[in-house]
C-alpha atoms as a PDB file:
ATOM      1  CA  UNK A   1       0.000   0.000   0.000  1.00  0.00           C
ATOM      2  CA  UNK A   2       1.444   3.385  -1.064  1.00  0.00           C
ATOM      3  CA  UNK A   3       0.784   6.675   0.669  1.00  0.00           C
ATOM      4  CA  UNK A   4       0.972  10.051  -0.926  1.00  0.00           C
ATOM      5  CA  UNK A   5       3.835  11.955   0.639  1.00  0.00           C
ATOM      6  CA  UNK A   6       2.382  15.430   0.109  1.00  0.00           C
ATOM      7  CA  UNK A   7       2.531  17.591   3.172  1.00  0.00           C
ATOM      8  CA  UNK A   8      -0.623  18.860   4.767  1.00  0.00           C
ATOM      9  CA  UNK A   9       0.436  22.408   3.852  1.00  0.00           C
ATOM     10  CA  UNK A  10       0.611  21.628   0.143  1.00  0.00           C
ATOM     11  CA  UNK A  11      -2.744  19.830   0.290  1.00  0.00           C
ATOM     12  CA  UNK A  12      -4.254  22.833   2.042  1.00  0.00           C
ATOM     13  CA  UNK A  13      -2.800  25.240  -0.525  1.00  0.00           C
ATOM     14  CA  UNK A  14      -4.215  23.178  -3.391  1.00  0.00           C
ATOM     15  CA  UNK A  15      -7.663  23.231  -1.744  1.00  0.00           C
ATOM     16  CA  UNK A  16      -7.450  27.017  -1.268  1.00  0.00           C
ATOM     17  CA  UNK A  17      -6.393  27.610  -4.881  1.00  0.00           C
ATOM     18  CA  UNK A  18      -9.165  25.330  -6.185  1.00  0.00           C
ATOM     19  CA  UNK A  19     -11.685  27.203  -4.038  1.00  0.00           C
ATOM     20  CA  UNK A  20     -10.491  30.590  -5.351  1.00  0.00           C
ATOM     21  CA  UNK A  21     -10.614  29.382  -8.962  1.00  0.00           C
ATOM     22  CA  UNK A  22     -14.139  28.032  -8.526  1.00  0.00           C
ATOM     23  CA  UNK A  23     -15.274  31.268  -6.869  1.00  0.00           C
ATOM     24  CA  UNK A  24     -13.840  33.424  -9.659  1.00  0.00           C
ATOM     25  CA  UNK A  25     -15.477  31.224 -12.282  1.00  0.00           C
ATOM     26  CA  UNK A  26     -18.945  31.146 -10.725  1.00  0.00           C
ATOM     27  CA  UNK A  27     -19.495  34.188  -8.482  1.00  0.00           C
ATOM     28  CA  UNK A  28     -19.991  37.514 -10.279  1.00  0.00           C
ATOM     29  CA  UNK A  29     -17.855  40.431  -9.116  1.00  0.00           C
ATOM     30  CA  UNK A  30     -19.774  43.161  -7.327  1.00  0.00           C
ATOM     31  CA  UNK A  31     -18.258  46.631  -7.156  1.00  0.00           C
ATOM     32  CA  UNK A  32     -17.964  47.943  -3.602  1.00  0.00           C
ATOM     33  CA  UNK A  33     -19.985  51.046  -2.950  1.00  0.00           C
ATOM     34  CA  UNK A  34     -19.566  53.574  -0.206  1.00  0.00           C
ATOM     35  CA  UNK A  35     -22.813  54.407   1.514  1.00  0.00           C
ATOM     36  CA  UNK A  36     -23.593  58.065   1.719  1.00  0.00           C
ATOM     37  CA  UNK A  37     -26.136  59.578   4.100  1.00  0.00           C
ATOM     38  CA  UNK A  38     -29.307  60.493   2.206  1.00  0.00           C
ATOM     39  CA  UNK A  39     -29.117  64.133   3.277  1.00  0.00           C
ATOM     40  CA  UNK A  40     -25.786  64.654   1.536  1.00  0.00           C
ATOM     41  CA  UNK A  41     -26.402  65.945  -1.959  1.00  0.00           C
ATOM     42  CA  UNK A  42     -24.661  67.946  -4.676  1.00  0.00           C
ATOM     43  CA  UNK A  43     -25.019  71.170  -2.694  1.00  0.00           C
ATOM     44  CA  UNK A  44     -23.127  69.686   0.257  1.00  0.00           C
ATOM     45  CA  UNK A  45     -20.499  68.235  -2.089  1.00  0.00           C
ATOM     46  CA  UNK A  46     -20.052  71.622  -3.763  1.00  0.00           C
ATOM     47  CA  UNK A  47     -19.611  73.384  -0.434  1.00  0.00           C
ATOM     48  CA  UNK A  48     -17.179  70.671   0.694  1.00  0.00           C
ATOM     49  CA  UNK A  49     -15.071  71.287  -2.402  1.00  0.00           C
ATOM     50  CA  UNK A  50     -15.105  75.046  -1.670  1.00  0.00           C
ATOM     51  CA  UNK A  51     -13.833  74.293   1.838  1.00  0.00           C
ATOM     52  CA  UNK A  52     -11.031  72.141   0.433  1.00  0.00           C
ATOM     53  CA  UNK A  53     -10.094  74.820  -2.072  1.00  0.00           C
ATOM     54  CA  UNK A  54     -10.097  77.519   0.611  1.00  0.00           C
ATOM     55  CA  UNK A  55      -7.963  75.371   2.902  1.00  0.00           C
ATOM     56  CA  UNK A  56      -5.253  75.412   0.272  1.00  0.00           C
ATOM     57  CA  UNK A  57      -5.393  79.179  -0.211  1.00  0.00           C
ATOM     58  CA  UNK A  58      -6.378  80.083   3.391  1.00  0.00           C
ATOM     59  CA  UNK A  59      -9.036  82.472   2.058  1.00  0.00           C
ATOM     60  CA  UNK A  60     -12.434  82.685   3.751  1.00  0.00           C
ATOM     61  CA  UNK A  61     -11.992  79.248   5.319  1.00  0.00           C
ATOM     62  CA  UNK A  62     -14.258  80.000   8.288  1.00  0.00           C
ATOM     63  CA  UNK A  63     -17.084  81.240   6.057  1.00  0.00           C
ATOM     64  CA  UNK A  64     -16.738  78.196   3.801  1.00  0.00           C
ATOM     65  CA  UNK A  65     -16.835  75.883   6.822  1.00  0.00           C
ATOM     66  CA  UNK A  66     -19.922  77.661   8.171  1.00  0.00           C
ATOM     67  CA  UNK A  67     -21.648  77.398   4.773  1.00  0.00           C
ATOM     68  CA  UNK A  68     -20.862  73.679   4.619  1.00  0.00           C
ATOM     69  CA  UNK A  69     -22.193  73.103   8.130  1.00  0.00           C
ATOM     70  CA  UNK A  70     -25.364  75.082   7.359  1.00  0.00           C
ATOM     71  CA  UNK A  71     -25.992  73.168   4.121  1.00  0.00           C
ATOM     72  CA  UNK A  72     -25.394  69.858   5.858  1.00  0.00           C
ATOM     73  CA  UNK A  73     -27.700  70.744   8.767  1.00  0.00           C
ATOM     74  CA  UNK A  74     -30.457  72.083   6.487  1.00  0.00           C
ATOM     75  CA  UNK A  75     -30.394  68.984   4.285  1.00  0.00           C
ATOM     76  CA  UNK A  76     -30.424  66.701   7.305  1.00  0.00           C
ATOM     77  CA  UNK A  77     -33.335  68.624   8.853  1.00  0.00           C
ATOM     78  CA  UNK A  78     -35.283  68.486   5.583  1.00  0.00           C
ATOM     79  CA  UNK A  79     -34.627  64.744   5.270  1.00  0.00           C
ATOM     80  CA  UNK A  80     -35.848  64.074   8.808  1.00  0.00           C
ATOM     81  CA  UNK A  81     -38.942  66.259   8.321  1.00  0.00           C
ATOM     82  CA  UNK A  82     -39.807  64.354   5.137  1.00  0.00           C
ATOM     83  CA  UNK A  83     -39.463  61.039   6.973  1.00  0.00           C
ATOM     84  CA  UNK A  84     -41.738  62.315   9.764  1.00  0.00           C
ATOM     85  CA  UNK A  85     -44.294  63.459   7.175  1.00  0.00           C
ATOM     86  CA  UNK A  86     -44.216  60.037   5.521  1.00  0.00           C
ATOM     87  CA  UNK A  87     -44.846  58.328   8.859  1.00  0.00           C
ATOM     88  CA  UNK A  88     -47.648  60.744   9.729  1.00  0.00           C
ATOM     89  CA  UNK A  89     -49.425  60.044   6.438  1.00  0.00           C
ATOM     90  CA  UNK A  90     -49.268  56.308   7.134  1.00  0.00           C
ATOM     91  CA  UNK A  91     -50.657  56.489  10.662  1.00  0.00           C
ATOM     92  CA  UNK A  92     -53.076  59.393  10.368  1.00  0.00           C
END
């Protein structure tokens, strides 16, 4: 009776490589997406870019930061108010 003299490490590595090959062949690739809060929109992104630009030039940085905070807060408040209105229409 003959025994295979492969080490357990090489057997394990062959199992891992077979598993990876099978996964690549059968499972579709899904692009990772970064979740963004629903109250962040183009207006907030624009103001964020103004802040970044002003940080480089050190011009009106405090005003740009205040504008960004105000836009973020207003959008968040509007989002929450819309959610409350949706709930009220369901239960009233």
